[in-house]
Protein backbone atom coordinates (compact mmCIF):
# COMPACT_ATOMS: atom_id res chain seq x y z
CA MET A 1 34.30 9.31 -78.59
CA SER A 2 35.67 6.51 -80.76
CA GLU A 3 34.14 3.02 -80.92
CA ASP A 4 37.19 1.62 -79.07
CA GLU A 5 36.79 4.18 -76.29
CA GLU A 6 33.08 3.41 -75.98
CA ARG A 7 33.75 -0.32 -75.79
CA ARG A 8 36.40 0.38 -73.17
CA GLN A 9 34.03 2.54 -71.15
CA ASP A 10 31.32 -0.09 -71.31
CA ALA A 11 33.73 -2.80 -70.17
CA VAL A 12 34.84 -0.67 -67.23
CA GLN A 13 31.25 0.02 -66.22
CA GLU A 14 30.44 -3.69 -66.40
CA ALA A 15 33.48 -4.57 -64.29
CA VAL A 16 32.54 -1.97 -61.71
CA GLN A 17 28.98 -3.26 -61.49
CA ARG A 18 30.23 -6.84 -61.03
CA TYR A 19 32.72 -5.65 -58.40
CA ALA A 20 29.99 -3.76 -56.51
CA ALA A 21 28.05 -7.01 -56.30
CA VAL A 22 30.90 -8.96 -54.70
CA GLN A 23 32.35 -6.15 -52.55
CA PRO A 24 30.30 -7.05 -49.46
CA GLU A 25 31.71 -10.56 -49.64
CA LEU A 26 35.23 -9.16 -50.01
CA ARG A 27 34.80 -7.32 -46.71
CA GLN A 28 34.45 -10.70 -45.03
CA VAL A 29 37.50 -11.93 -46.91
CA ALA A 30 39.45 -8.96 -45.69
CA ASP A 31 38.42 -9.64 -42.09
CA GLY A 32 39.47 -13.27 -42.56
CA PHE A 33 42.92 -12.29 -43.84
CA VAL A 34 43.44 -9.85 -40.97
CA ALA A 35 42.57 -12.58 -38.51
CA LEU A 36 44.88 -15.08 -40.27
CA VAL A 37 47.83 -12.72 -40.53
CA THR A 38 47.41 -11.66 -36.89
CA ALA A 39 47.33 -15.29 -35.80
CA LEU A 40 50.48 -16.07 -37.76
CA LEU A 41 52.33 -13.14 -36.26
CA ASP A 42 51.22 -13.96 -32.74
CA ASP A 43 52.17 -17.61 -33.14
CA ALA A 44 55.60 -16.65 -34.42
CA GLY A 45 56.10 -14.17 -31.58
CA ILE A 46 57.01 -11.33 -33.97
CA ASN A 47 56.65 -7.78 -32.70
CA TYR A 48 54.21 -5.55 -34.54
CA VAL A 49 52.15 -2.42 -33.99
CA SER A 50 48.94 -3.20 -35.83
CA VAL A 51 47.26 -5.44 -38.45
CA THR A 52 44.37 -3.84 -40.37
CA GLY A 53 42.52 -4.60 -43.56
CA ARG A 54 39.86 -3.45 -45.99
CA ALA A 55 38.00 -4.40 -49.17
CA LYS A 56 38.66 -1.84 -51.85
CA SER A 57 35.82 0.63 -52.16
CA VAL A 58 33.73 0.60 -55.31
CA ALA A 59 34.81 4.13 -56.12
CA SER A 60 38.44 3.29 -55.73
CA PHE A 61 38.08 0.15 -57.86
CA ALA A 62 36.33 2.20 -60.58
CA GLY A 63 39.19 4.78 -60.62
CA LYS A 64 41.81 2.06 -60.96
CA ALA A 65 39.77 0.12 -63.57
CA ALA A 66 39.53 3.20 -65.78
CA ARG A 67 43.25 4.06 -65.60
CA THR A 68 45.24 4.18 -68.82
CA VAL A 69 48.91 4.20 -69.68
CA ASP A 70 49.89 5.87 -72.98
CA GLY A 71 46.28 5.55 -74.07
CA ALA A 72 46.02 1.81 -73.37
CA PRO A 73 44.11 0.27 -70.44
CA ALA A 74 46.35 -0.28 -67.46
CA TYR A 75 44.11 -3.16 -66.34
CA PRO A 76 42.56 -4.84 -69.44
CA ASP A 77 40.61 -7.22 -67.19
CA PRO A 78 40.01 -5.19 -63.98
CA LEU A 79 38.35 -7.97 -62.03
CA ARG A 80 41.44 -10.12 -62.57
CA ASP A 81 44.18 -7.51 -62.90
CA VAL A 82 43.38 -5.28 -59.94
CA THR A 83 45.07 -7.38 -57.30
CA ASP A 84 44.52 -5.21 -54.24
CA GLN A 85 40.76 -5.72 -54.00
CA VAL A 86 41.51 -7.16 -50.55
CA GLY A 87 44.22 -5.29 -48.67
CA VAL A 88 45.99 -5.95 -45.36
CA ARG A 89 48.46 -3.63 -43.75
CA VAL A 90 50.99 -4.67 -41.15
CA VAL A 91 52.78 -1.88 -39.28
CA THR A 92 55.94 -2.77 -37.38
CA TYR A 93 58.27 -0.82 -35.13
CA LEU A 94 61.57 -1.49 -36.93
CA HIS A 95 62.77 -2.27 -40.43
CA GLY A 96 64.13 -5.66 -39.44
CA ASP A 97 60.59 -6.61 -38.33
CA VAL A 98 59.32 -5.83 -41.84
CA THR A 99 61.69 -8.52 -43.18
CA ALA A 100 60.63 -10.90 -40.40
CA VAL A 101 56.94 -10.49 -41.26
CA ALA A 102 57.63 -10.96 -45.02
CA ASP A 103 59.67 -14.15 -44.30
CA LEU A 104 56.92 -15.52 -42.07
CA LEU A 105 54.19 -14.95 -44.68
CA ALA A 106 56.42 -16.55 -47.36
CA ASP A 107 56.79 -19.57 -45.14
CA GLN A 108 53.11 -19.97 -44.24
CA LEU A 109 51.34 -18.74 -47.38
CA SER A 110 51.86 -18.72 -51.15
CA VAL A 111 53.46 -15.47 -52.26
CA LEU A 112 52.32 -14.52 -55.75
CA ASP A 113 54.24 -11.29 -55.94
CA ASP A 114 56.79 -9.47 -53.77
CA ARG A 115 57.88 -5.89 -54.30
CA ASP A 116 60.12 -3.84 -51.97
CA MET A 117 59.13 -0.29 -52.86
CA GLY A 118 61.87 1.13 -50.62
CA GLN A 119 64.56 -0.78 -52.52
CA GLU A 120 63.07 0.31 -55.88
CA THR A 121 63.19 3.95 -54.75
CA ALA A 122 66.76 3.55 -53.45
CA ARG A 123 67.91 2.02 -56.70
CA GLN A 124 66.79 5.23 -58.38
CA GLY A 125 68.99 7.22 -55.99
CA ARG A 126 66.01 8.79 -54.21
CA PHE A 127 64.32 8.86 -50.83
CA GLY A 128 60.55 8.48 -50.78
CA TYR A 129 57.79 5.90 -50.44
CA ALA A 130 59.01 2.78 -48.65
CA SER A 131 56.86 -0.31 -48.10
CA ARG A 132 57.04 -4.05 -48.78
CA HIS A 133 54.17 -5.25 -50.94
CA LEU A 134 53.26 -8.93 -50.99
CA LEU A 135 50.44 -10.57 -52.89
CA VAL A 136 49.54 -13.74 -50.89
CA ALA A 137 47.09 -16.59 -51.06
CA VAL A 138 46.44 -19.78 -49.08
CA ASP A 139 49.13 -22.41 -49.74
CA PRO A 140 47.27 -25.30 -51.44
CA VAL A 141 49.42 -27.88 -49.58
CA LYS A 142 49.46 -26.33 -46.08
CA GLY A 143 45.93 -24.97 -46.20
CA VAL A 144 44.42 -23.06 -43.34
CA PRO A 145 42.25 -24.00 -40.32
CA ALA A 146 38.51 -24.05 -40.88
CA ALA A 147 38.16 -20.71 -39.01
CA TYR A 148 39.66 -19.02 -42.04
CA ASP A 149 37.50 -20.66 -44.75
CA THR A 150 36.51 -17.23 -46.14
CA VAL A 151 40.06 -16.63 -47.46
CA ARG A 152 40.29 -19.88 -49.48
CA ALA A 153 40.60 -19.32 -53.22
CA ARG A 154 41.20 -15.55 -52.54
CA SER A 155 44.31 -13.43 -52.58
CA ALA A 156 45.29 -10.31 -50.59
CA SER A 157 47.70 -7.51 -51.03
CA VAL A 158 49.74 -7.16 -47.85
CA GLN A 159 51.62 -3.89 -47.19
CA ILE A 160 54.32 -4.17 -44.53
CA ARG A 161 56.00 -1.01 -43.29
CA THR A 162 57.53 0.50 -40.17
CA ILE A 163 55.53 2.98 -38.13
CA LEU A 164 57.70 5.84 -39.44
CA GLN A 165 57.29 4.73 -43.05
CA HIS A 166 53.57 4.52 -42.38
CA ALA A 167 53.41 8.08 -40.98
CA TRP A 168 55.25 9.42 -44.05
CA ALA A 169 53.02 7.55 -46.51
CA GLU A 170 49.79 8.48 -44.83
CA PHE A 171 50.68 12.18 -44.51
CA GLU A 172 52.00 12.38 -48.09
CA HIS A 173 48.82 10.70 -49.38
CA ASP A 174 46.60 12.94 -47.28
CA VAL A 175 48.27 16.11 -48.51
CA ARG A 176 48.11 15.13 -52.18
CA TYR A 177 44.53 13.86 -51.85
CA LYS A 178 43.24 17.19 -50.51
CA GLY A 179 43.47 18.80 -53.95
CA THR A 180 45.74 19.93 -56.74
CA ILE A 181 48.96 21.48 -55.46
CA PRO A 182 49.71 24.82 -57.14
CA GLU A 183 52.38 24.23 -59.76
CA GLU A 184 54.71 26.80 -58.30
CA HIS A 185 54.79 24.93 -55.03
CA VAL A 186 55.33 21.42 -56.39
CA PRO A 187 59.18 21.44 -56.55
CA ASP A 188 59.54 22.76 -52.93
CA LEU A 189 56.96 20.32 -51.55
CA ASP A 190 58.56 17.43 -53.36
CA ARG A 191 61.93 18.38 -51.94
CA ARG A 192 60.49 18.63 -48.42
CA PHE A 193 58.82 15.22 -48.70
CA THR A 194 62.16 13.81 -49.95
CA LEU A 195 64.01 15.39 -47.05
CA ALA A 196 61.42 13.99 -44.53
CA ALA A 197 61.78 10.52 -46.06
CA GLY A 198 65.57 10.62 -45.68
CA LEU A 199 65.32 11.73 -42.09
CA LEU A 200 62.82 8.99 -41.28
CA GLU A 201 65.09 6.34 -42.89
CA LEU A 202 67.89 7.60 -40.62
CA ALA A 203 65.57 7.47 -37.61
CA ASP A 204 64.60 3.86 -38.52
CA ARG A 205 68.30 2.94 -38.54
CA GLU A 206 68.92 4.61 -35.21
CA PHE A 207 65.95 2.85 -33.58
CA SER A 208 67.25 -0.46 -34.90
CA ALA A 209 70.72 0.33 -33.45
CA ILE A 210 69.12 1.13 -30.13
CA ARG A 211 67.25 -2.16 -30.11
CA ASP A 212 70.37 -4.12 -31.03
CA ARG A 213 72.37 -2.41 -28.26
CA LEU A 214 69.70 -3.15 -25.71
CA GLN A 215 69.36 -6.78 -26.77
CA ALA A 216 73.10 -7.30 -26.49
CA THR A 217 73.22 -5.98 -22.89
CA MET A 218 69.80 -6.74 -21.36
CA GLY A 219 70.79 -10.25 -20.34
CA ASP A 220 73.53 -8.86 -18.06
CA GLN A 221 71.21 -6.74 -15.96
CA HIS A 222 70.53 -7.46 -12.27
CA LEU A 223 66.77 -7.71 -11.77
CA THR A 224 64.90 -6.67 -8.61
CA ILE A 225 62.13 -9.16 -8.03
CA ASP A 226 58.76 -8.21 -6.53
CA GLU A 227 58.31 -10.89 -3.83
CA SER A 228 54.59 -10.04 -3.38
CA ASP A 229 53.73 -11.08 -6.95
CA PRO A 230 53.96 -14.77 -7.81
CA ARG A 231 54.27 -14.07 -11.51
CA ILE A 232 57.43 -13.22 -13.42
CA SER A 233 56.79 -9.64 -14.56
CA ALA A 234 56.57 -9.00 -18.28
CA SER A 235 59.51 -6.55 -18.25
CA ASP A 236 61.71 -8.94 -16.26
CA LEU A 237 60.85 -11.81 -18.59
CA ALA A 238 61.64 -9.65 -21.63
CA THR A 239 65.07 -8.78 -20.19
CA PHE A 240 65.75 -12.43 -19.28
CA LEU A 241 64.75 -13.80 -22.71
CA ALA A 242 66.79 -11.17 -24.49
CA GLY A 243 69.87 -12.61 -22.82
CA ARG A 244 68.80 -16.23 -23.23
CA PHE A 245 67.75 -16.00 -26.91
CA GLN A 246 70.11 -13.32 -28.22
CA ASP A 247 69.38 -14.12 -31.84
CA ALA A 248 65.60 -13.75 -31.39
CA GLY A 249 63.66 -10.51 -31.92
CA TRP A 250 61.50 -8.82 -29.37
CA SER A 251 57.91 -9.96 -29.02
CA ARG A 252 54.83 -7.87 -28.28
CA THR A 253 54.64 -6.52 -24.76
CA ASP A 254 51.35 -8.31 -24.02
CA HIS A 255 52.83 -11.64 -25.13
CA TYR A 256 55.43 -11.59 -22.34
CA ALA A 257 52.61 -11.12 -19.82
CA TRP A 258 50.62 -13.92 -21.48
CA ILE A 259 53.40 -16.49 -21.36
CA SER A 260 54.23 -15.47 -17.78
CA GLY A 261 50.76 -16.71 -16.90
CA LEU A 262 51.51 -20.04 -18.63
CA LEU A 263 54.72 -20.31 -16.57
CA LEU A 264 52.71 -19.77 -13.43
CA GLU A 265 50.33 -22.52 -14.47
CA LEU A 266 53.38 -24.79 -14.70
CA GLY A 267 54.46 -23.70 -11.22
CA ILE A 268 57.39 -21.62 -12.43
CA SER A 269 57.35 -18.33 -10.58
CA SER A 270 60.95 -17.17 -10.62
CA LEU A 271 63.62 -16.49 -13.17
CA ASP A 272 65.98 -18.81 -11.30
CA GLU A 273 63.53 -21.68 -11.82
CA LEU A 274 63.12 -20.76 -15.48
CA ALA A 275 66.89 -20.49 -15.98
CA GLY A 276 67.42 -23.95 -14.47
CA LEU A 277 64.72 -25.40 -16.67
CA LEU A 278 66.08 -23.90 -19.92
CA SER A 279 69.67 -24.91 -19.05
CA SER A 280 68.51 -28.54 -19.31
CA ILE A 281 67.07 -28.33 -22.87
CA ASP A 282 68.75 -28.88 -26.20
CA ALA A 283 68.10 -25.44 -27.75
CA PRO A 284 69.96 -26.15 -31.00
CA GLY A 285 68.01 -29.42 -31.34
CA ILE A 286 64.70 -27.57 -30.90
CA ASN A 287 65.70 -25.02 -33.47
CA ALA A 288 66.67 -27.74 -35.93
CA ARG A 289 63.40 -29.58 -35.45
CA MET A 290 61.29 -26.43 -35.81
CA ALA A 291 63.31 -25.35 -38.86
CA TYR A 292 62.35 -21.68 -38.47
CA ARG A 293 62.38 -19.97 -41.85
CA TYR A 294 61.74 -16.57 -40.20
CA PRO A 295 63.28 -14.98 -37.09
CA ALA A 296 60.96 -16.37 -34.43
CA GLY A 297 60.47 -13.99 -31.52
CA ALA A 298 61.68 -14.55 -28.01
CA VAL A 299 58.28 -15.57 -26.68
CA ARG A 300 57.88 -18.16 -29.45
CA ARG A 301 61.33 -19.59 -28.63
CA LEU A 302 60.32 -19.95 -25.00
CA ASP A 303 56.95 -21.37 -26.06
CA ASP A 304 58.65 -24.12 -28.05
CA ALA A 305 61.08 -24.86 -25.21
CA LEU A 306 58.22 -25.28 -22.79
CA LEU A 307 56.37 -27.47 -25.29
CA ALA A 308 59.48 -29.65 -25.69
CA VAL A 309 59.90 -30.09 -21.94
CA PHE A 310 56.33 -30.55 -20.77
CA GLY A 311 54.68 -32.04 -23.89
CA THR A 312 51.02 -32.91 -23.44
CA ARG A 313 50.89 -31.28 -20.00
CA TYR A 314 51.74 -27.98 -21.67
CA LEU A 315 49.00 -28.62 -24.25
CA ALA A 316 46.47 -29.07 -21.46
CA LEU A 317 47.10 -25.74 -19.76
CA HIS A 318 44.05 -23.53 -19.53
CA GLY A 319 45.88 -20.74 -21.25
CA ASN A 320 46.58 -22.97 -24.28
CA LEU A 321 43.07 -24.36 -24.95
CA HIS A 322 42.47 -21.92 -27.82
CA ARG A 323 45.51 -23.21 -29.72
CA GLU A 324 45.63 -26.90 -28.86
CA GLN A 325 45.58 -28.04 -32.53
CA ALA A 326 48.48 -25.77 -33.50
CA LEU A 327 50.54 -26.84 -30.52
CA THR A 328 49.84 -30.53 -31.24
CA THR A 329 51.29 -30.04 -34.75
CA ARG A 330 54.36 -28.39 -33.31
CA LEU A 331 54.80 -31.08 -30.68
CA GLU A 332 54.85 -33.70 -33.45
CA LYS A 333 57.66 -31.79 -35.19
CA LEU A 334 59.59 -31.58 -31.86
CA ARG A 335 59.29 -35.32 -31.28
CA ALA A 336 60.11 -36.26 -34.85
CA GLN A 337 63.42 -38.19 -35.28
């Protein structure tokens, strides 16, 4: 082993030891970023499947720190250059939701890097790994609430992908991780993975087309109301809002049920009452004041409409106590001239 190789090996070992010392702290940072991203998605009313996170394992960091490209270190300063020490993964249903999540994070956080791996693969004329990778940090001007203090002065690598892209990536990684694939099988397996990726991209497009068709027609449906239940059902509310806010995306199923409870607190227990209320508001004016830089979901659009109409009364609802500060900030924007 040459002197340069020995120095490099010593530097990697030192970096790994230093990383091992801070890795427990990074687990708390990962939990903080998961909580922050989840809160941002919920506040925006964007539909998603899951938000998970992790701190990179010591073994994984060591493997990356030791990586070389053409004999030179891929990460000369591993503690600085390995940027996915804290990782967050957002899984969505549809490709349009991937863009919505990325736009939301760009609006609320500082984006230090943004790579669309699917586009990079497509530019090469291939099908394969598809995921949006953002490197984010707390915006120094906007900051974050005190509950997320663990993420200050830290960054996180955020992977955003559809559930079909996630299935492909996880299976492909699992198969290749199990061991070395016999050389004679590599071309056929690569071809099959490519074929599967193309089929899943087609399925993603079809699911998006189904969603778009439903959204365009849901508002015309005649709804049968359950007179024994004072609440507006989540499914009925989803159908109603799809017609009312046709440019808004779907929200999570549980969010429709949640805001139905807020409507009941306000004494609104029928879609006729809700329709009458919404017909009296200046929806374009609300949109202009909120200045959405991401496609806010249907529940968020209703949330802002209710805030504009009821003001401090809406703030004081029992179901809003956990987000009073955030709603106060939004109310100030709605009342700004």
